[in-house]
Amino acid sequence: MAAAARFVNGFTPCDPIKTVPAGSHPSTGPDEKLLQAGTVIERGTCGSPGRTSIYMIKDAKAFQTAFKAETDAGDGGGNPNQGIVVGQDFAMGSESSDAMSALLQPQAGLLMLNCHPDFKPPSGYRKEPALVKGCVLTDYYVD
């Protein structure tokens, strides 16, 4: 968690990181259903006050599957241009559109997982297959 928080803090304020106890609801990011899917091993919040959530992932495909199930159920929100920023072993969501955009800059090297069926980024943005059919990894985000 500390390494993920340091990485995020290199692009957007994320200090200090505070662990979120199991069973409590984070202020941003995936809801409790996603966490109950068993794909998240630890979660924390940072920013002012807890506007950014970081999720340590043990199985990226299982996490993406759970995220897609939430999107399909309508729990993932109605904006087709939003999702969750994913790294190799963590995911990040924020109430701050500036924080989300900062982590999608080329120098950060992260992409957003988007499973919305109506997602259609403008030309020139990345849209790569994710680990789960019906989801893509993209650098396009609009709040």
Protein backbone atom coordinates (compact mmCIF):
# COMPACT_ATOMS: atom_id res chain seq x y z
CA MET A 1 0.00 0.00 0.00
CA ALA A 2 2.82 2.41 0.85
CA ALA A 3 4.44 1.92 -2.58
CA ALA A 4 1.14 2.49 -4.40
CA ALA A 5 0.46 5.63 -2.33
CA ARG A 6 3.97 6.98 -3.08
CA PHE A 7 3.40 6.33 -6.79
CA VAL A 8 0.01 8.09 -6.78
CA ASN A 9 1.47 10.95 -4.71
CA GLY A 10 4.04 11.51 -7.47
CA PHE A 11 1.22 12.67 -9.77
CA THR A 12 -1.50 13.96 -7.43
CA PRO A 13 -1.60 14.69 -3.68
CA CYS A 14 -2.00 11.43 -1.76
CA ASP A 15 -0.35 11.84 1.60
CA PRO A 16 -0.81 10.50 4.17
CA ILE A 17 -2.44 7.20 3.28
CA LYS A 18 -4.92 5.83 5.84
CA THR A 19 -6.04 2.21 5.89
CA VAL A 20 -9.80 1.71 5.59
CA PRO A 21 -11.04 -1.04 7.94
CA ALA A 22 -12.89 -4.02 6.43
CA GLY A 23 -16.64 -3.54 6.31
CA SER A 24 -16.55 0.25 6.18
CA HIS A 25 -17.57 2.09 3.04
CA PRO A 26 -14.96 4.10 1.13
CA SER A 27 -15.86 7.56 -0.06
CA THR A 28 -14.86 6.80 -3.67
CA GLY A 29 -14.13 3.93 -5.98
CA PRO A 30 -15.63 0.46 -6.04
CA ASP A 31 -18.39 -0.18 -3.55
CA GLU A 32 -18.65 -2.92 -0.97
CA LYS A 33 -19.94 -5.50 -3.53
CA LEU A 34 -16.68 -5.26 -5.45
CA LEU A 35 -14.68 -5.59 -2.26
CA GLN A 36 -16.72 -8.64 -1.20
CA ALA A 37 -15.77 -10.35 -4.48
CA GLY A 38 -12.46 -11.15 -2.76
CA THR A 39 -10.25 -9.34 -5.25
CA VAL A 40 -9.03 -6.57 -2.93
CA ILE A 41 -6.51 -7.41 -0.20
CA GLU A 42 -6.16 -3.92 1.29
CA ARG A 43 -7.63 -0.48 0.78
CA GLY A 44 -6.81 3.02 1.92
CA THR A 45 -7.72 6.65 1.40
CA CYS A 46 -5.69 9.79 0.98
CA GLY A 47 -6.19 13.36 -0.05
CA SER A 48 -8.44 15.90 1.58
CA PRO A 49 -10.53 14.40 3.21
CA GLY A 50 -10.15 10.86 1.87
CA ARG A 51 -11.07 11.92 -1.65
CA THR A 52 -8.86 9.29 -3.27
CA SER A 53 -9.08 5.55 -2.64
CA ILE A 54 -6.40 2.98 -3.40
CA TYR A 55 -7.20 -0.73 -3.67
CA MET A 56 -4.48 -3.37 -3.56
CA ILE A 57 -5.53 -6.17 -5.93
CA LYS A 58 -4.59 -9.83 -5.62
CA ASP A 59 -6.10 -11.00 -8.93
CA ALA A 60 -6.44 -8.48 -11.77
CA LYS A 61 -8.80 -10.62 -13.87
CA ALA A 62 -11.11 -11.29 -10.90
CA PHE A 63 -11.09 -7.57 -10.08
CA GLN A 64 -11.98 -6.65 -13.67
CA THR A 65 -14.71 -9.31 -13.72
CA ALA A 66 -16.25 -7.89 -10.54
CA PHE A 67 -15.97 -4.33 -11.85
CA LYS A 68 -17.71 -5.34 -15.10
CA ALA A 69 -20.49 -7.06 -13.14
CA GLU A 70 -21.06 -3.83 -11.22
CA THR A 71 -21.12 -1.77 -14.41
CA ASP A 72 -23.55 -4.24 -16.02
CA ALA A 73 -25.80 -4.05 -12.96
CA GLY A 74 -25.84 -0.27 -13.15
CA ASP A 75 -23.81 0.11 -9.95
CA GLY A 76 -20.81 1.51 -11.85
CA GLY A 77 -22.47 4.84 -12.61
CA GLY A 78 -24.13 6.23 -15.67
CA ASN A 79 -21.26 8.16 -17.25
CA PRO A 80 -19.84 6.03 -20.09
CA ASN A 81 -16.55 7.97 -19.97
CA GLN A 82 -15.62 6.98 -16.42
CA GLY A 83 -14.08 3.95 -14.80
CA ILE A 84 -11.29 3.16 -12.38
CA VAL A 85 -7.57 3.73 -12.91
CA VAL A 86 -5.64 0.45 -12.76
CA GLY A 87 -2.01 -0.45 -12.28
CA GLN A 88 -0.41 -3.88 -12.18
CA ASP A 89 -1.41 -4.62 -8.58
CA PHE A 90 -3.58 -1.69 -7.51
CA ALA A 91 -6.57 0.38 -8.59
CA MET A 92 -7.36 3.99 -7.79
CA GLY A 93 -10.56 5.99 -7.79
CA SER A 94 -11.06 9.61 -6.77
CA GLU A 95 -13.74 12.22 -6.34
CA SER A 96 -11.25 14.61 -7.92
CA SER A 97 -11.29 14.68 -11.72
CA ASP A 98 -7.85 16.32 -11.56
CA ALA A 99 -6.46 13.31 -9.67
CA MET A 100 -7.98 10.87 -12.15
CA SER A 101 -6.65 12.84 -15.13
CA ALA A 102 -3.17 13.16 -13.59
CA LEU A 103 -2.78 9.37 -13.41
CA LEU A 104 -3.80 8.94 -17.04
CA GLN A 105 -0.98 11.15 -18.34
CA PRO A 106 1.59 9.23 -20.43
CA GLN A 107 4.34 9.71 -17.84
CA ALA A 108 2.25 7.89 -15.20
CA GLY A 109 1.80 4.87 -17.46
CA LEU A 110 -1.62 3.92 -16.08
CA LEU A 111 -4.89 3.36 -17.90
CA MET A 112 -8.54 3.44 -16.92
CA LEU A 113 -10.62 0.29 -16.85
CA ASN A 114 -13.91 1.07 -18.59
CA CYS A 115 -16.64 -1.56 -18.94
CA HIS A 116 -19.50 0.71 -19.98
CA PRO A 117 -21.20 -0.65 -23.13
CA ASP A 118 -21.67 2.88 -24.55
CA PHE A 119 -18.01 3.92 -24.20
CA LYS A 120 -16.69 5.43 -27.43
CA PRO A 121 -13.55 7.54 -27.03
CA PRO A 122 -12.67 10.12 -29.68
CA SER A 123 -9.99 9.16 -32.19
CA GLY A 124 -6.44 9.44 -30.95
CA TYR A 125 -7.10 7.92 -27.51
CA ARG A 126 -6.01 4.44 -26.51
CA LYS A 127 -8.63 1.70 -26.35
CA GLU A 128 -7.01 -1.65 -25.65
CA PRO A 129 -8.61 -4.95 -24.66
CA ALA A 130 -8.75 -5.58 -20.91
CA LEU A 131 -8.53 -9.01 -19.28
CA VAL A 132 -12.34 -9.33 -19.39
CA LYS A 133 -14.47 -9.30 -22.53
CA GLY A 134 -16.57 -6.14 -22.72
CA CYS A 135 -13.99 -3.99 -20.90
CA VAL A 136 -11.21 -1.83 -22.30
CA LEU A 137 -8.17 -0.02 -20.98
CA THR A 138 -8.05 3.60 -22.06
CA ASP A 139 -6.39 6.93 -21.43
CA TYR A 140 -9.67 8.78 -22.12
CA TYR A 141 -11.60 10.18 -19.16
CA VAL A 142 -14.26 12.87 -18.88
CA ASP A 143 -15.91 13.76 -15.58
